[in-house]
C-alpha atoms as a PDB file:
ATOM      1  CA  UNK A   1      71.360  -4.918  10.567  1.00  0.00           C
ATOM      2  CA  UNK A   2      69.154  -5.090   7.497  1.00  0.00           C
ATOM      3  CA  UNK A   3      65.483  -5.910   8.017  1.00  0.00           C
ATOM      4  CA  UNK A   4      64.227  -9.445   7.546  1.00  0.00           C
ATOM      5  CA  UNK A   5      62.490 -10.123   4.241  1.00  0.00           C
ATOM      6  CA  UNK A   6      59.833 -12.797   4.642  1.00  0.00           C
ATOM      7  CA  UNK A   7      56.997 -14.190   2.545  1.00  0.00           C
ATOM      8  CA  UNK A   8      53.583 -14.541   4.161  1.00  0.00           C
ATOM      9  CA  UNK A   9      51.140 -17.020   2.623  1.00  0.00           C
ATOM     10  CA  UNK A  10      47.539 -15.972   3.239  1.00  0.00           C
ATOM     11  CA  UNK A  11      44.582 -18.312   3.610  1.00  0.00           C
ATOM     12  CA  UNK A  12      40.844 -18.011   4.249  1.00  0.00           C
ATOM     13  CA  UNK A  13      39.952 -14.783   6.100  1.00  0.00           C
ATOM     14  CA  UNK A  14      43.470 -13.353   5.727  1.00  0.00           C
ATOM     15  CA  UNK A  15      43.437 -13.850   1.962  1.00  0.00           C
ATOM     16  CA  UNK A  16      39.946 -12.344   1.719  1.00  0.00           C
ATOM     17  CA  UNK A  17      41.045  -9.265   3.682  1.00  0.00           C
ATOM     18  CA  UNK A  18      44.141  -8.646   1.542  1.00  0.00           C
ATOM     19  CA  UNK A  19      42.810  -9.903  -1.785  1.00  0.00           C
ATOM     20  CA  UNK A  20      46.114 -11.628  -2.610  1.00  0.00           C
ATOM     21  CA  UNK A  21      47.504 -15.105  -1.846  1.00  0.00           C
ATOM     22  CA  UNK A  22      50.797 -13.850  -0.411  1.00  0.00           C
ATOM     23  CA  UNK A  23      52.661 -10.814   0.876  1.00  0.00           C
ATOM     24  CA  UNK A  24      56.324  -9.909   1.183  1.00  0.00           C
ATOM     25  CA  UNK A  25      57.087  -8.097   4.429  1.00  0.00           C
ATOM     26  CA  UNK A  26      60.126  -6.360   5.856  1.00  0.00           C
ATOM     27  CA  UNK A  27      60.431  -6.903   9.607  1.00  0.00           C
ATOM     28  CA  UNK A  28      63.026  -5.847  12.173  1.00  0.00           C
ATOM     29  CA  UNK A  29      65.772  -8.281  13.178  1.00  0.00           C
ATOM     30  CA  UNK A  30      64.520 -10.562  15.940  1.00  0.00           C
ATOM     31  CA  UNK A  31      60.863 -10.386  14.868  1.00  0.00           C
ATOM     32  CA  UNK A  32      58.665 -13.355  15.759  1.00  0.00           C
ATOM     33  CA  UNK A  33      55.753 -15.062  14.054  1.00  0.00           C
ATOM     34  CA  UNK A  34      53.423 -13.170  16.412  1.00  0.00           C
ATOM     35  CA  UNK A  35      54.822  -9.891  15.045  1.00  0.00           C
ATOM     36  CA  UNK A  36      53.632 -10.915  11.581  1.00  0.00           C
ATOM     37  CA  UNK A  37      50.134 -11.646  12.899  1.00  0.00           C
ATOM     38  CA  UNK A  38      50.053  -8.392  14.853  1.00  0.00           C
ATOM     39  CA  UNK A  39      51.073  -6.377  11.805  1.00  0.00           C
ATOM     40  CA  UNK A  40      48.362  -7.955   9.649  1.00  0.00           C
ATOM     41  CA  UNK A  41      45.753  -7.320  12.345  1.00  0.00           C
ATOM     42  CA  UNK A  42      46.883  -3.701  12.645  1.00  0.00           C
ATOM     43  CA  UNK A  43      46.439  -3.253   8.881  1.00  0.00           C
ATOM     44  CA  UNK A  44      43.091  -5.121   8.830  1.00  0.00           C
ATOM     45  CA  UNK A  45      41.333  -4.792  12.214  1.00  0.00           C
ATOM     46  CA  UNK A  46      38.463  -6.940  10.963  1.00  0.00           C
ATOM     47  CA  UNK A  47      40.847  -9.913  11.343  1.00  0.00           C
ATOM     48  CA  UNK A  48      41.130  -9.343  15.108  1.00  0.00           C
ATOM     49  CA  UNK A  49      38.529 -12.051  15.775  1.00  0.00           C
ATOM     50  CA  UNK A  50      41.033 -14.619  14.474  1.00  0.00           C
ATOM     51  CA  UNK A  51      43.902 -13.508  16.783  1.00  0.00           C
ATOM     52  CA  UNK A  52      43.618 -16.318  19.327  1.00  0.00           C
ATOM     53  CA  UNK A  53      42.648 -19.151  16.978  1.00  0.00           C
ATOM     54  CA  UNK A  54      45.168 -18.717  14.157  1.00  0.00           C
ATOM     55  CA  UNK A  55      47.834 -21.399  13.823  1.00  0.00           C
ATOM     56  CA  UNK A  56      51.290 -20.579  12.504  1.00  0.00           C
ATOM     57  CA  UNK A  57      53.682 -22.283  10.166  1.00  0.00           C
ATOM     58  CA  UNK A  58      57.222 -21.413   9.161  1.00  0.00           C
ATOM     59  CA  UNK A  59      58.807 -23.214   6.228  1.00  0.00           C
ATOM     60  CA  UNK A  60      56.096 -25.925   6.264  1.00  0.00           C
ATOM     61  CA  UNK A  61      56.415 -26.659  10.019  1.00  0.00           C
ATOM     62  CA  UNK A  62      53.827 -25.710  12.621  1.00  0.00           C
ATOM     63  CA  UNK A  63      55.432 -23.346  15.147  1.00  0.00           C
ATOM     64  CA  UNK A  64      54.615 -21.347  18.278  1.00  0.00           C
ATOM     65  CA  UNK A  65      53.813 -17.627  18.104  1.00  0.00           C
ATOM     66  CA  UNK A  66      57.127 -16.711  19.772  1.00  0.00           C
ATOM     67  CA  UNK A  67      59.237 -18.453  17.112  1.00  0.00           C
ATOM     68  CA  UNK A  68      61.904 -16.025  15.822  1.00  0.00           C
ATOM     69  CA  UNK A  69      62.079 -15.425  12.095  1.00  0.00           C
ATOM     70  CA  UNK A  70      65.004 -15.355   9.707  1.00  0.00           C
ATOM     71  CA  UNK A  71      65.279 -13.597   6.390  1.00  0.00           C
ATOM     72  CA  UNK A  72      63.842 -15.721   3.616  1.00  0.00           C
ATOM     73  CA  UNK A  73      61.355 -17.555   5.846  1.00  0.00           C
ATOM     74  CA  UNK A  74      57.921 -18.420   4.517  1.00  0.00           C
ATOM     75  CA  UNK A  75      55.262 -17.783   7.144  1.00  0.00           C
ATOM     76  CA  UNK A  76      51.760 -19.227   6.946  1.00  0.00           C
ATOM     77  CA  UNK A  77      48.842 -17.933   9.028  1.00  0.00           C
ATOM     78  CA  UNK A  78      46.036 -20.471   9.205  1.00  0.00           C
ATOM     79  CA  UNK A  79      42.724 -19.383  10.678  1.00  0.00           C
ATOM     80  CA  UNK A  80      40.071 -22.001  11.365  1.00  0.00           C
ATOM     81  CA  UNK A  81      38.472 -23.012   8.082  1.00  0.00           C
ATOM     82  CA  UNK A  82      34.777 -23.826   8.048  1.00  0.00           C
ATOM     83  CA  UNK A  83      33.669 -26.736   5.936  1.00  0.00           C
ATOM     84  CA  UNK A  84      30.564 -26.821   3.834  1.00  0.00           C
END
């Protein structure tokens, strides 16, 4: 099976780490939202502190970390945002 092609929208700490507002990732069939988070944390270990407090969205709906992805999905990782 071909890999899944997904778009990842980056906000706050994730956007600062990558320096871009979005990424396009190729993931294996059956990948979950958590796999996206884990891949970003592997590439940018400084984001590890956000692992347990990041919320997830897929196609503008909040979802659980174990939600499976489909090709074409738009994933959003939302760390806590401090006001000020």
